[in-house]
Amino acid sequence: MLATKYTLKGVSRFERVEKMGEITQSDSFGIAVFDRKDADVSSFGFIVSNKISPESTNRNRVKRAMKAAVRYELGQLKSGQDIVFLAKQKILRKSTEEIINEVRIALKEANLYK
């Protein structure tokens, strides 16, 4: 479980990231990154819409996998970022391990490591 201090909260913050952030596409999701230019810890949000799957168990499995990957990498990630993961339909066909590996690769490609 991702600690509360790392969780992106508030519709306005999600909208700011999606409008003003840089978007990087992965095979199963997109990552929108907004640099707050401060020293606070980075915040993460996860969007898995009903269009991806109408079943909440599938949506929650995907969110848990992405959160686990972020939690494993927290110590190595830059501070001062707001990051939103936007799931695509393809993610449902991937196992938890595949999602975790893809998140790690996408974070490297988005240049989010220290």
PDB file of N, CA and C in Angstrom:
ATOM      1  N   MET A   1       0.840  -1.183   0.000  1.00  0.00           N
ATOM      2  CA  MET A   1       0.000   0.000   0.000  1.00  0.00           C
ATOM      3  C   MET A   1       0.888   1.250   0.000  1.00  0.00           C
ATOM      4  N   LEU A   2       0.542   2.191  -0.821  1.00  0.00           N
ATOM      5  CA  LEU A   2       1.299   3.428  -0.939  1.00  0.00           C
ATOM      6  C   LEU A   2       0.889   4.376   0.186  1.00  0.00           C
ATOM      7  N   ALA A   3       1.858   4.918   0.911  1.00  0.00           N
ATOM      8  CA  ALA A   3       1.573   5.802   2.040  1.00  0.00           C
ATOM      9  C   ALA A   3       0.802   7.044   1.591  1.00  0.00           C
ATOM     10  N   THR A   4      -0.015   7.569   2.487  1.00  0.00           N
ATOM     11  CA  THR A   4      -0.879   8.710   2.187  1.00  0.00           C
ATOM     12  C   THR A   4      -0.088   9.934   1.737  1.00  0.00           C
ATOM     13  N   LYS A   5       1.088  10.149   2.292  1.00  0.00           N
ATOM     14  CA  LYS A   5       1.850  11.349   1.928  1.00  0.00           C
ATOM     15  C   LYS A   5       2.321  11.319   0.472  1.00  0.00           C
ATOM     16  N   TYR A   6       2.306  10.137  -0.147  1.00  0.00           N
ATOM     17  CA  TYR A   6       2.710  10.017  -1.549  1.00  0.00           C
ATOM     18  C   TYR A   6       1.515  10.001  -2.498  1.00  0.00           C
ATOM     19  N   THR A   7       0.313  10.133  -1.962  1.00  0.00           N
ATOM     20  CA  THR A   7      -0.896  10.043  -2.773  1.00  0.00           C
ATOM     21  C   THR A   7      -1.331  11.418  -3.252  1.00  0.00           C
ATOM     22  N   LEU A   8      -1.583  11.537  -4.530  1.00  0.00           N
ATOM     23  CA  LEU A   8      -2.064  12.777  -5.130  1.00  0.00           C
ATOM     24  C   LEU A   8      -3.545  12.920  -4.811  1.00  0.00           C
ATOM     25  N   LYS A   9      -3.919  14.036  -4.205  1.00  0.00           N
ATOM     26  CA  LYS A   9      -5.306  14.238  -3.801  1.00  0.00           C
ATOM     27  C   LYS A   9      -5.844  15.533  -4.394  1.00  0.00           C
ATOM     28  N   GLY A  10      -7.128  15.517  -4.695  1.00  0.00           N
ATOM     29  CA  GLY A  10      -7.782  16.723  -5.187  1.00  0.00           C
ATOM     30  C   GLY A  10      -7.916  16.740  -6.694  1.00  0.00           C
ATOM     31  N   VAL A  11      -9.112  16.997  -7.145  1.00  0.00           N
ATOM     32  CA  VAL A  11      -9.393  17.039  -8.587  1.00  0.00           C
ATOM     33  C   VAL A  11      -8.539  18.105  -9.263  1.00  0.00           C
ATOM     34  N   SER A  12      -8.345  19.243  -8.609  1.00  0.00           N
ATOM     35  CA  SER A  12      -7.582  20.328  -9.229  1.00  0.00           C
ATOM     36  C   SER A  12      -6.131  19.921  -9.487  1.00  0.00           C
ATOM     37  N   ARG A  13      -5.541  19.126  -8.594  1.00  0.00           N
ATOM     38  CA  ARG A  13      -4.161  18.685  -8.799  1.00  0.00           C
ATOM     39  C   ARG A  13      -4.082  17.679  -9.944  1.00  0.00           C
ATOM     40  N   PHE A  14      -5.067  16.779 -10.046  1.00  0.00           N
ATOM     41  CA  PHE A  14      -5.098  15.841 -11.166  1.00  0.00           C
ATOM     42  C   PHE A  14      -5.227  16.605 -12.484  1.00  0.00           C
ATOM     43  N   GLU A  15      -6.118  17.583 -12.517  1.00  0.00           N
ATOM     44  CA  GLU A  15      -6.325  18.362 -13.738  1.00  0.00           C
ATOM     45  C   GLU A  15      -5.078  19.146 -14.118  1.00  0.00           C
ATOM     46  N   ARG A  16      -4.382  19.708 -13.121  1.00  0.00           N
ATOM     47  CA  ARG A  16      -3.149  20.449 -13.394  1.00  0.00           C
ATOM     48  C   ARG A  16      -2.106  19.538 -14.023  1.00  0.00           C
ATOM     49  N   VAL A  17      -1.975  18.323 -13.505  1.00  0.00           N
ATOM     50  CA  VAL A  17      -0.996  17.385 -14.060  1.00  0.00           C
ATOM     51  C   VAL A  17      -1.361  17.018 -15.488  1.00  0.00           C
ATOM     52  N   GLU A  18      -2.643  16.748 -15.736  1.00  0.00           N
ATOM     53  CA  GLU A  18      -3.052  16.334 -17.075  1.00  0.00           C
ATOM     54  C   GLU A  18      -2.945  17.465 -18.096  1.00  0.00           C
ATOM     55  N   LYS A  19      -3.181  18.714 -17.676  1.00  0.00           N
ATOM     56  CA  LYS A  19      -3.130  19.841 -18.605  1.00  0.00           C
ATOM     57  C   LYS A  19      -1.724  20.391 -18.799  1.00  0.00           C
ATOM     58  N   MET A  20      -0.970  20.515 -17.709  1.00  0.00           N
ATOM     59  CA  MET A  20       0.322  21.188 -17.770  1.00  0.00           C
ATOM     60  C   MET A  20       1.521  20.231 -17.753  1.00  0.00           C
ATOM     61  N   GLY A  21       1.266  18.958 -17.483  1.00  0.00           N
ATOM     62  CA  GLY A  21       2.360  18.002 -17.376  1.00  0.00           C
ATOM     63  C   GLY A  21       2.776  17.432 -18.713  1.00  0.00           C
ATOM     64  N   GLU A  22       3.931  16.804 -18.704  1.00  0.00           N
ATOM     65  CA  GLU A  22       4.434  16.107 -19.885  1.00  0.00           C
ATOM     66  C   GLU A  22       3.919  14.681 -19.842  1.00  0.00           C
ATOM     67  N   ILE A  23       3.437  14.180 -20.978  1.00  0.00           N
ATOM     68  CA  ILE A  23       2.878  12.846 -21.025  1.00  0.00           C
ATOM     69  C   ILE A  23       3.819  11.913 -21.774  1.00  0.00           C
ATOM     70  N   THR A  24       4.108  10.785 -21.144  1.00  0.00           N
ATOM     71  CA  THR A  24       4.906   9.729 -21.738  1.00  0.00           C
ATOM     72  C   THR A  24       4.013   8.503 -21.886  1.00  0.00           C
ATOM     73  N   GLN A  25       4.042   7.875 -23.049  1.00  0.00           N
ATOM     74  CA  GLN A  25       3.195   6.713 -23.289  1.00  0.00           C
ATOM     75  C   GLN A  25       3.988   5.417 -23.145  1.00  0.00           C
ATOM     76  N   SER A  26       3.369   4.481 -22.473  1.00  0.00           N
ATOM     77  CA  SER A  26       3.877   3.128 -22.375  1.00  0.00           C
ATOM     78  C   SER A  26       2.888   2.241 -23.131  1.00  0.00           C
ATOM     79  N   ASP A  27       3.163   0.965 -23.209  1.00  0.00           N
ATOM     80  CA  ASP A  27       2.262   0.059 -23.914  1.00  0.00           C
ATOM     81  C   ASP A  27       0.902  -0.045 -23.215  1.00  0.00           C
ATOM     82  N   SER A  28       0.898  -0.087 -21.888  1.00  0.00           N
ATOM     83  CA  SER A  28      -0.326  -0.328 -21.124  1.00  0.00           C
ATOM     84  C   SER A  28      -0.879   0.891 -20.397  1.00  0.00           C
ATOM     85  N   PHE A  29      -0.141   1.983 -20.377  1.00  0.00           N
ATOM     86  CA  PHE A  29      -0.594   3.179 -19.659  1.00  0.00           C
ATOM     87  C   PHE A  29       0.195   4.389 -20.122  1.00  0.00           C
ATOM     88  N   GLY A  30      -0.310   5.542 -19.774  1.00  0.00           N
ATOM     89  CA  GLY A  30       0.401   6.791 -19.985  1.00  0.00           C
ATOM     90  C   GLY A  30       0.816   7.340 -18.628  1.00  0.00           C
ATOM     91  N   ILE A  31       1.862   8.137 -18.616  1.00  0.00           N
ATOM     92  CA  ILE A  31       2.305   8.799 -17.388  1.00  0.00           C
ATOM     93  C   ILE A  31       2.326  10.294 -17.669  1.00  0.00           C
ATOM     94  N   ALA A  32       1.574  11.043 -16.876  1.00  0.00           N
ATOM     95  CA  ALA A  32       1.596  12.504 -16.958  1.00  0.00           C
ATOM     96  C   ALA A  32       2.400  13.010 -15.762  1.00  0.00           C
ATOM     97  N   VAL A  33       3.413  13.837 -16.036  1.00  0.00           N
ATOM     98  CA  VAL A  33       4.313  14.315 -14.990  1.00  0.00           C
ATOM     99  C   VAL A  33       4.316  15.837 -14.980  1.00  0.00           C
ATOM    100  N   PHE A  34       4.056  16.398 -13.802  1.00  0.00           N
ATOM    101  CA  PHE A  34       4.119  17.843 -13.613  1.00  0.00           C
ATOM    102  C   PHE A  34       5.197  18.136 -12.582  1.00  0.00           C
ATOM    103  N   ASP A  35       6.184  18.946 -12.946  1.00  0.00           N
ATOM    104  CA  ASP A  35       7.272  19.310 -12.040  1.00  0.00           C
ATOM    105  C   ASP A  35       6.833  20.508 -11.210  1.00  0.00           C
ATOM    106  N   ARG A  36       6.645  20.301  -9.909  1.00  0.00           N
ATOM    107  CA  ARG A  36       6.225  21.376  -9.009  1.00  0.00           C
ATOM    108  C   ARG A  36       7.371  22.322  -8.661  1.00  0.00           C
ATOM    109  N   LYS A  37       8.601  21.897  -8.927  1.00  0.00           N
ATOM    110  CA  LYS A  37       9.793  22.699  -8.635  1.00  0.00           C
ATOM    111  C   LYS A  37       9.904  23.022  -7.147  1.00  0.00           C
ATOM    112  N   ASP A  38       9.664  22.013  -6.315  1.00  0.00           N
ATOM    113  CA  ASP A  38       9.867  22.158  -4.879  1.00  0.00           C
ATOM    114  C   ASP A  38      10.577  20.915  -4.364  1.00  0.00           C
ATOM    115  N   ALA A  39      10.861  20.881  -3.064  1.00  0.00           N
ATOM    116  CA  ALA A  39      11.611  19.766  -2.479  1.00  0.00           C
ATOM    117  C   ALA A  39      10.711  18.772  -1.758  1.00  0.00           C
ATOM    118  N   ASP A  40       9.398  18.966  -1.815  1.00  0.00           N
ATOM    119  CA  ASP A  40       8.482  18.032  -1.158  1.00  0.00           C
ATOM    120  C   ASP A  40       8.508  16.681  -1.872  1.00  0.00           C
ATOM    121  N   VAL A  41       8.003  15.661  -1.172  1.00  0.00           N
ATOM    122  CA  VAL A  41       7.968  14.326  -1.771  1.00  0.00           C
ATOM    123  C   VAL A  41       7.054  14.333  -2.995  1.00  0.00           C
ATOM    124  N   SER A  42       7.331  13.456  -3.916  1.00  0.00           N
ATOM    125  CA  SER A  42       6.498  13.338  -5.110  1.00  0.00           C
ATOM    126  C   SER A  42       5.160  12.701  -4.754  1.00  0.00           C
ATOM    127  N   SER A  43       4.130  13.079  -5.492  1.00  0.00           N
ATOM    128  CA  SER A  43       2.788  12.539  -5.286  1.00  0.00           C
ATOM    129  C   SER A  43       2.369  11.762  -6.520  1.00  0.00           C
ATOM    130  N   PHE A  44       1.636  10.664  -6.285  1.00  0.00           N
ATOM    131  CA  PHE A  44       1.243   9.770  -7.368  1.00  0.00           C
ATOM    132  C   PHE A  44      -0.264   9.573  -7.373  1.00  0.00           C
ATOM    133  N   GLY A  45      -0.837   9.582  -8.578  1.00  0.00           N
ATOM    134  CA  GLY A  45      -2.253   9.307  -8.750  1.00  0.00           C
ATOM    135  C   GLY A  45      -2.412   8.221  -9.804  1.00  0.00           C
ATOM    136  N   PHE A  46      -3.499   7.457  -9.690  1.00  0.00           N
ATOM    137  CA  PHE A  46      -3.724   6.331 -10.587  1.00  0.00           C
ATOM    138  C   PHE A  46      -5.157   6.396 -11.094  1.00  0.00           C
ATOM    139  N   ILE A  47      -5.313   6.425 -12.414  1.00  0.00           N
ATOM    140  CA  ILE A  47      -6.643   6.494 -13.019  1.00  0.00           C
ATOM    141  C   ILE A  47      -6.864   5.233 -13.852  1.00  0.00           C
ATOM    142  N   VAL A  48      -7.847   4.456 -13.418  1.00  0.00           N
ATOM    143  CA  VAL A  48      -8.276   3.269 -14.162  1.00  0.00           C
ATOM    144  C   VAL A  48      -9.791   3.404 -14.277  1.00  0.00           C
ATOM    145  N   SER A  49     -10.251   3.860 -15.418  1.00  0.00           N
ATOM    146  CA  SER A  49     -11.667   4.213 -15.563  1.00  0.00           C
ATOM    147  C   SER A  49     -12.560   2.994 -15.777  1.00  0.00           C
ATOM    148  N   ASN A  50     -13.847   3.234 -15.675  1.00  0.00           N
ATOM    149  CA  ASN A  50     -14.839   2.187 -15.933  1.00  0.00           C
ATOM    150  C   ASN A  50     -14.785   1.713 -17.379  1.00  0.00           C
ATOM    151  N   LYS A  51     -14.258   2.527 -18.279  1.00  0.00           N
ATOM    152  CA  LYS A  51     -14.121   2.126 -19.678  1.00  0.00           C
ATOM    153  C   LYS A  51     -13.077   1.017 -19.823  1.00  0.00           C
ATOM    154  N   ILE A  52     -12.095   1.009 -18.946  1.00  0.00           N
ATOM    155  CA  ILE A  52     -11.075  -0.036 -18.964  1.00  0.00           C
ATOM    156  C   ILE A  52     -11.698  -1.368 -18.564  1.00  0.00           C
ATOM    157  N   SER A  53     -12.455  -1.344 -17.467  1.00  0.00           N
ATOM    158  CA  SER A  53     -13.171  -2.534 -17.013  1.00  0.00           C
ATOM    159  C   SER A  53     -14.331  -2.095 -16.131  1.00  0.00           C
ATOM    160  N   PRO A  54     -15.528  -2.597 -16.398  1.00  0.00           N
ATOM    161  CA  PRO A  54     -16.659  -2.251 -15.531  1.00  0.00           C
ATOM    162  C   PRO A  54     -16.580  -2.956 -14.171  1.00  0.00           C
ATOM    163  N   GLU A  55     -15.732  -3.960 -14.061  1.00  0.00           N
ATOM    164  CA  GLU A  55     -15.601  -4.715 -12.813  1.00  0.00           C
ATOM    165  C   GLU A  55     -14.534  -4.085 -11.921  1.00  0.00           C
ATOM    166  N   SER A  56     -14.938  -3.724 -10.719  1.00  0.00           N
ATOM    167  CA  SER A  56     -14.024  -3.047  -9.799  1.00  0.00           C
ATOM    168  C   SER A  56     -12.849  -3.929  -9.398  1.00  0.00           C
ATOM    169  N   THR A  57     -13.034  -5.236  -9.360  1.00  0.00           N
ATOM    170  CA  THR A  57     -11.921  -6.114  -8.979  1.00  0.00           C
ATOM    171  C   THR A  57     -10.776  -6.003  -9.971  1.00  0.00           C
ATOM    172  N   ASN A  58     -11.088  -5.897 -11.254  1.00  0.00           N
ATOM    173  CA  ASN A  58     -10.034  -5.742 -12.266  1.00  0.00           C
ATOM    174  C   ASN A  58      -9.349  -4.387 -12.144  1.00  0.00           C
ATOM    175  N   ARG A  59     -10.142  -3.337 -11.965  1.00  0.00           N
ATOM    176  CA  ARG A  59      -9.560  -1.992 -11.825  1.00  0.00           C
ATOM    177  C   ARG A  59      -8.670  -1.910 -10.588  1.00  0.00           C
ATOM    178  N   ASN A  60      -9.125  -2.484  -9.486  1.00  0.00           N
ATOM    179  CA  ASN A  60      -8.348  -2.436  -8.244  1.00  0.00           C
ATOM    180  C   ASN A  60      -7.065  -3.255  -8.341  1.00  0.00           C
ATOM    181  N   ARG A  61      -7.090  -4.381  -9.043  1.00  0.00           N
ATOM    182  CA  ARG A  61      -5.878  -5.188  -9.226  1.00  0.00           C
ATOM    183  C   ARG A  61      -4.816  -4.389  -9.971  1.00  0.00           C
ATOM    184  N   VAL A  62      -5.252  -3.669 -10.997  1.00  0.00           N
ATOM    185  CA  VAL A  62      -4.330  -2.858 -11.783  1.00  0.00           C
ATOM    186  C   VAL A  62      -3.746  -1.737 -10.918  1.00  0.00           C
ATOM    187  N   LYS A  63      -4.595  -1.057 -10.164  1.00  0.00           N
ATOM    188  CA  LYS A  63      -4.109   0.020  -9.292  1.00  0.00           C
ATOM    189  C   LYS A  63      -3.133  -0.513  -8.253  1.00  0.00           C
ATOM    190  N   ARG A  64      -3.442  -1.651  -7.649  1.00  0.00           N
ATOM    191  CA  ARG A  64      -2.542  -2.233  -6.644  1.00  0.00           C
ATOM    192  C   ARG A  64      -1.184  -2.561  -7.247  1.00  0.00           C
ATOM    193  N   ALA A  65      -1.169  -3.098  -8.452  1.00  0.00           N
ATOM    194  CA  ALA A  65       0.096  -3.446  -9.103  1.00  0.00           C
ATOM    195  C   ALA A  65       0.927  -2.194  -9.384  1.00  0.00           C
ATOM    196  N   MET A  66       0.287  -1.144  -9.899  1.00  0.00           N
ATOM    197  CA  MET A  66       1.027   0.091 -10.191  1.00  0.00           C
ATOM    198  C   MET A  66       1.525   0.743  -8.905  1.00  0.00           C
ATOM    199  N   LYS A  67       0.704   0.730  -7.861  1.00  0.00           N
ATOM    200  CA  LYS A  67       1.123   1.302  -6.571  1.00  0.00           C
ATOM    201  C   LYS A  67       2.290   0.524  -5.976  1.00  0.00           C
ATOM    202  N   ALA A  68       2.267  -0.796  -6.112  1.00  0.00           N
ATOM    203  CA  ALA A  68       3.361  -1.618  -5.595  1.00  0.00           C
ATOM    204  C   ALA A  68       4.668  -1.272  -6.304  1.00  0.00           C
ATOM    205  N   ALA A  69       4.619  -1.115  -7.605  1.00  0.00           N
ATOM    206  CA  ALA A  69       5.822  -0.768  -8.361  1.00  0.00           C
ATOM    207  C   ALA A  69       6.379   0.579  -7.915  1.00  0.00           C
ATOM    208  N   VAL A  70       5.499   1.552  -7.727  1.00  0.00           N
ATOM    209  CA  VAL A  70       5.932   2.879  -7.277  1.00  0.00           C
ATOM    210  C   VAL A  70       6.528   2.789  -5.878  1.00  0.00           C
ATOM    211  N   ARG A  71       5.888   2.030  -5.001  1.00  0.00           N
ATOM    212  CA  ARG A  71       6.372   1.899  -3.621  1.00  0.00           C
ATOM    213  C   ARG A  71       7.779   1.307  -3.590  1.00  0.00           C
ATOM    214  N   TYR A  72       8.062   0.311  -4.440  1.00  0.00           N
ATOM    215  CA  TYR A  72       9.386  -0.298  -4.485  1.00  0.00           C
ATOM    216  C   TYR A  72      10.449   0.691  -4.944  1.00  0.00           C
ATOM    217  N   GLU A  73      10.068   1.650  -5.769  1.00  0.00           N
ATOM    218  CA  GLU A  73      11.026   2.575  -6.377  1.00  0.00           C
ATOM    219  C   GLU A  73      11.102   3.939  -5.681  1.00  0.00           C
ATOM    220  N   LEU A  74      10.301   4.179  -4.653  1.00  0.00           N
ATOM    221  CA  LEU A  74      10.195   5.512  -4.036  1.00  0.00           C
ATOM    222  C   LEU A  74      11.537   6.123  -3.647  1.00  0.00           C
ATOM    223  N   GLY A  75      12.418   5.350  -3.076  1.00  0.00           N
ATOM    224  CA  GLY A  75      13.701   5.877  -2.623  1.00  0.00           C
ATOM    225  C   GLY A  75      14.594   6.360  -3.740  1.00  0.00           C
ATOM    226  N   GLN A  76      14.331   5.917  -4.943  1.00  0.00           N
ATOM    227  CA  GLN A  76      15.180   6.263  -6.078  1.00  0.00           C
ATOM    228  C   GLN A  76      14.577   7.334  -6.978  1.00  0.00           C
ATOM    229  N   LEU A  77      13.347   7.766  -6.686  1.00  0.00           N
ATOM    230  CA  LEU A  77      12.659   8.724  -7.561  1.00  0.00           C
ATOM    231  C   LEU A  77      12.909  10.164  -7.117  1.00  0.00           C
ATOM    232  N   LYS A  78      12.845  11.074  -8.079  1.00  0.00           N
ATOM    233  CA  LYS A  78      13.026  12.500  -7.817  1.00  0.00           C
ATOM    234  C   LYS A  78      11.913  13.047  -6.933  1.00  0.00           C
ATOM    235  N   SER A  79      12.210  14.106  -6.206  1.00  0.00           N
ATOM    236  CA  SER A  79      11.214  14.808  -5.394  1.00  0.00           C
ATOM    237  C   SER A  79      10.589  15.938  -6.204  1.00  0.00           C
ATOM    238  N   GLY A  80       9.467  16.459  -5.697  1.00  0.00           N
ATOM    239  CA  GLY A  80       8.850  17.628  -6.309  1.00  0.00           C
ATOM    240  C   GLY A  80       8.066  17.364  -7.569  1.00  0.00           C
ATOM    241  N   GLN A  81       7.595  16.136  -7.756  1.00  0.00           N
ATOM    242  CA  GLN A  81       6.851  15.784  -8.966  1.00  0.00           C
ATOM    243  C   GLN A  81       5.423  15.365  -8.595  1.00  0.00           C
ATOM    244  N   ASP A  82       4.468  15.709  -9.431  1.00  0.00           N
ATOM    245  CA  ASP A  82       3.126  15.144  -9.372  1.00  0.00           C
ATOM    246  C   ASP A  82       3.013  14.232 -10.584  1.00  0.00           C
ATOM    247  N   ILE A  83       2.688  12.966 -10.345  1.00  0.00           N
ATOM    248  CA  ILE A  83       2.699  11.967 -11.405  1.00  0.00           C
ATOM    249  C   ILE A  83       1.361  11.235 -11.417  1.00  0.00           C
ATOM    250  N   VAL A  84       0.746  11.149 -12.598  1.00  0.00           N
ATOM    251  CA  VAL A  84      -0.530  10.452 -12.753  1.00  0.00           C
ATOM    252  C   VAL A  84      -0.356   9.347 -13.789  1.00  0.00           C
ATOM    253  N   PHE A  85      -0.757   8.135 -13.404  1.00  0.00           N
ATOM    254  CA  PHE A  85      -0.765   6.990 -14.304  1.00  0.00           C
ATOM    255  C   PHE A  85      -2.162   6.858 -14.893  1.00  0.00           C
ATOM    256  N   LEU A  86      -2.245   6.770 -16.214  1.00  0.00           N
ATOM    257  CA  LEU A  86      -3.520   6.656 -16.929  1.00  0.00           C
ATOM    258  C   LEU A  86      -3.560   5.305 -17.645  1.00  0.00           C
ATOM    259  N   ALA A  87      -4.338   4.368 -17.116  1.00  0.00           N
ATOM    260  CA  ALA A  87      -4.348   3.000 -17.646  1.00  0.00           C
ATOM    261  C   ALA A  87      -5.037   2.924 -18.999  1.00  0.00           C
ATOM    262  N   LYS A  88      -4.548   1.994 -19.827  1.00  0.00           N
ATOM    263  CA  LYS A  88      -5.151   1.686 -21.119  1.00  0.00           C
ATOM    264  C   LYS A  88      -5.774   0.293 -21.045  1.00  0.00           C
ATOM    265  N   GLN A  89      -6.582  -0.029 -22.007  1.00  0.00           N
ATOM    266  CA  GLN A  89      -7.290  -1.310 -22.051  1.00  0.00           C
ATOM    267  C   GLN A  89      -6.332  -2.505 -22.012  1.00  0.00           C
ATOM    268  N   LYS A  90      -5.179  -2.381 -22.647  1.00  0.00           N
ATOM    269  CA  LYS A  90      -4.208  -3.483 -22.726  1.00  0.00           C
ATOM    270  C   LYS A  90      -3.732  -3.974 -21.372  1.00  0.00           C
ATOM    271  N   ILE A  91      -3.802  -3.131 -20.354  1.00  0.00           N
ATOM    272  CA  ILE A  91      -3.243  -3.476 -19.054  1.00  0.00           C
ATOM    273  C   ILE A  91      -3.969  -4.649 -18.398  1.00  0.00           C
ATOM    274  N   LEU A  92      -5.210  -4.879 -18.761  1.00  0.00           N
ATOM    275  CA  LEU A  92      -5.974  -5.980 -18.167  1.00  0.00           C
ATOM    276  C   LEU A  92      -5.424  -7.350 -18.549  1.00  0.00           C
ATOM    277  N   ARG A  93      -4.734  -7.428 -19.675  1.00  0.00           N
ATOM    278  CA  ARG A  93      -4.190  -8.702 -20.141  1.00  0.00           C
ATOM    279  C   ARG A  93      -2.813  -9.004 -19.562  1.00  0.00           C
ATOM    280  N   LYS A  94      -2.316  -8.128 -18.728  1.00  0.00           N
ATOM    281  CA  LYS A  94      -0.979  -8.311 -18.168  1.00  0.00           C
ATOM    282  C   LYS A  94      -1.068  -8.798 -16.729  1.00  0.00           C
ATOM    283  N   SER A  95      -0.069  -9.590 -16.346  1.00  0.00           N
ATOM    284  CA  SER A  95       0.004 -10.062 -14.961  1.00  0.00           C
ATOM    285  C   SER A  95       0.550  -8.938 -14.078  1.00  0.00           C
ATOM    286  N   THR A  96       0.428  -9.134 -12.793  1.00  0.00           N
ATOM    287  CA  THR A  96       0.926  -8.134 -11.839  1.00  0.00           C
ATOM    288  C   THR A  96       2.424  -7.904 -12.026  1.00  0.00           C
ATOM    289  N   GLU A  97       3.191  -8.967 -12.223  1.00  0.00           N
ATOM    290  CA  GLU A  97       4.638  -8.837 -12.401  1.00  0.00           C
ATOM    291  C   GLU A  97       4.972  -8.046 -13.666  1.00  0.00           C
ATOM    292  N   GLU A  98       4.215  -8.295 -14.728  1.00  0.00           N
ATOM    293  CA  GLU A  98       4.433  -7.559 -15.976  1.00  0.00           C
ATOM    294  C   GLU A  98       4.114  -6.079 -15.803  1.00  0.00           C
ATOM    295  N   ILE A  99       3.072  -5.760 -15.061  1.00  0.00           N
ATOM    296  CA  ILE A  99       2.714  -4.362 -14.806  1.00  0.00           C
ATOM    297  C   ILE A  99       3.807  -3.683 -14.004  1.00  0.00           C
ATOM    298  N   ILE A 100       4.294  -4.358 -12.970  1.00  0.00           N
ATOM    299  CA  ILE A 100       5.353  -3.789 -12.129  1.00  0.00           C
ATOM    300  C   ILE A 100       6.599  -3.501 -12.961  1.00  0.00           C
ATOM    301  N   ASN A 101       6.999  -4.439 -13.795  1.00  0.00           N
ATOM    302  CA  ASN A 101       8.183  -4.231 -14.644  1.00  0.00           C
ATOM    303  C   ASN A 101       7.968  -3.089 -15.631  1.00  0.00           C
ATOM    304  N   GLU A 102       6.777  -3.010 -16.198  1.00  0.00           N
ATOM    305  CA  GLU A 102       6.494  -1.949 -17.162  1.00  0.00           C
ATOM    306  C   GLU A 102       6.502  -0.570 -16.487  1.00  0.00           C
ATOM    307  N   VAL A 103       6.006  -0.498 -15.254  1.00  0.00           N
ATOM    308  CA  VAL A 103       6.045   0.773 -14.519  1.00  0.00           C
ATOM    309  C   VAL A 103       7.486   1.206 -14.287  1.00  0.00           C
ATOM    310  N   ARG A 104       8.337   0.279 -13.880  1.00  0.00           N
ATOM    311  CA  ARG A 104       9.747   0.612 -13.660  1.00  0.00           C
ATOM    312  C   ARG A 104      10.406   1.138 -14.937  1.00  0.00           C
ATOM    313  N   ILE A 105      10.151   0.473 -16.034  1.00  0.00           N
ATOM    314  CA  ILE A 105      10.727   0.891 -17.312  1.00  0.00           C
ATOM    315  C   ILE A 105      10.197   2.273 -17.710  1.00  0.00           C
ATOM    316  N   ALA A 106       8.908   2.481 -17.534  1.00  0.00           N
ATOM    317  CA  ALA A 106       8.297   3.763 -17.908  1.00  0.00           C
ATOM    318  C   ALA A 106       8.829   4.903 -17.039  1.00  0.00           C
ATOM    319  N   LEU A 107       9.057   4.640 -15.760  1.00  0.00           N
ATOM    320  CA  LEU A 107       9.620   5.677 -14.884  1.00  0.00           C
ATOM    321  C   LEU A 107      11.026   6.049 -15.326  1.00  0.00           C
ATOM    322  N   LYS A 108      11.809   5.065 -15.770  1.00  0.00           N
ATOM    323  CA  LYS A 108      13.163   5.347 -16.280  1.00  0.00           C
ATOM    324  C   LYS A 108      13.084   6.169 -17.556  1.00  0.00           C
ATOM    325  N   GLU A 109      12.188   5.784 -18.463  1.00  0.00           N
ATOM    326  CA  GLU A 109      12.050   6.499 -19.729  1.00  0.00           C
ATOM    327  C   GLU A 109      11.563   7.925 -19.534  1.00  0.00           C
ATOM    328  N   ALA A 110      10.768   8.155 -18.477  1.00  0.00           N
ATOM    329  CA  ALA A 110      10.269   9.508 -18.181  1.00  0.00           C
ATOM    330  C   ALA A 110      11.296  10.318 -17.404  1.00  0.00           C
ATOM    331  N   ASN A 111      12.483   9.740 -17.177  1.00  0.00           N
ATOM    332  CA  ASN A 111      13.588  10.412 -16.475  1.00  0.00           C
ATOM    333  C   ASN A 111      13.170  10.875 -15.073  1.00  0.00           C
ATOM    334  N   LEU A 112      12.551   9.978 -14.320  1.00  0.00           N
ATOM    335  CA  LEU A 112      12.075  10.307 -12.971  1.00  0.00           C
ATOM    336  C   LEU A 112      12.981   9.785 -11.863  1.00  0.00           C
ATOM    337  N   TYR A 113      14.070   9.123 -12.233  1.00  0.00           N
ATOM    338  CA  TYR A 113      15.020   8.646 -11.219  1.00  0.00           C
ATOM    339  C   TYR A 113      16.030   9.742 -10.909  1.00  0.00           C
ATOM    340  N   LYS A 114      16.555   9.704  -9.698  1.00  0.00           N
ATOM    341  CA  LYS A 114      17.534  10.715  -9.256  1.00  0.00           C
ATOM    342  C   LYS A 114      18.798  10.625 -10.071  1.00  0.00           C
TER     343      LYS A 114
END
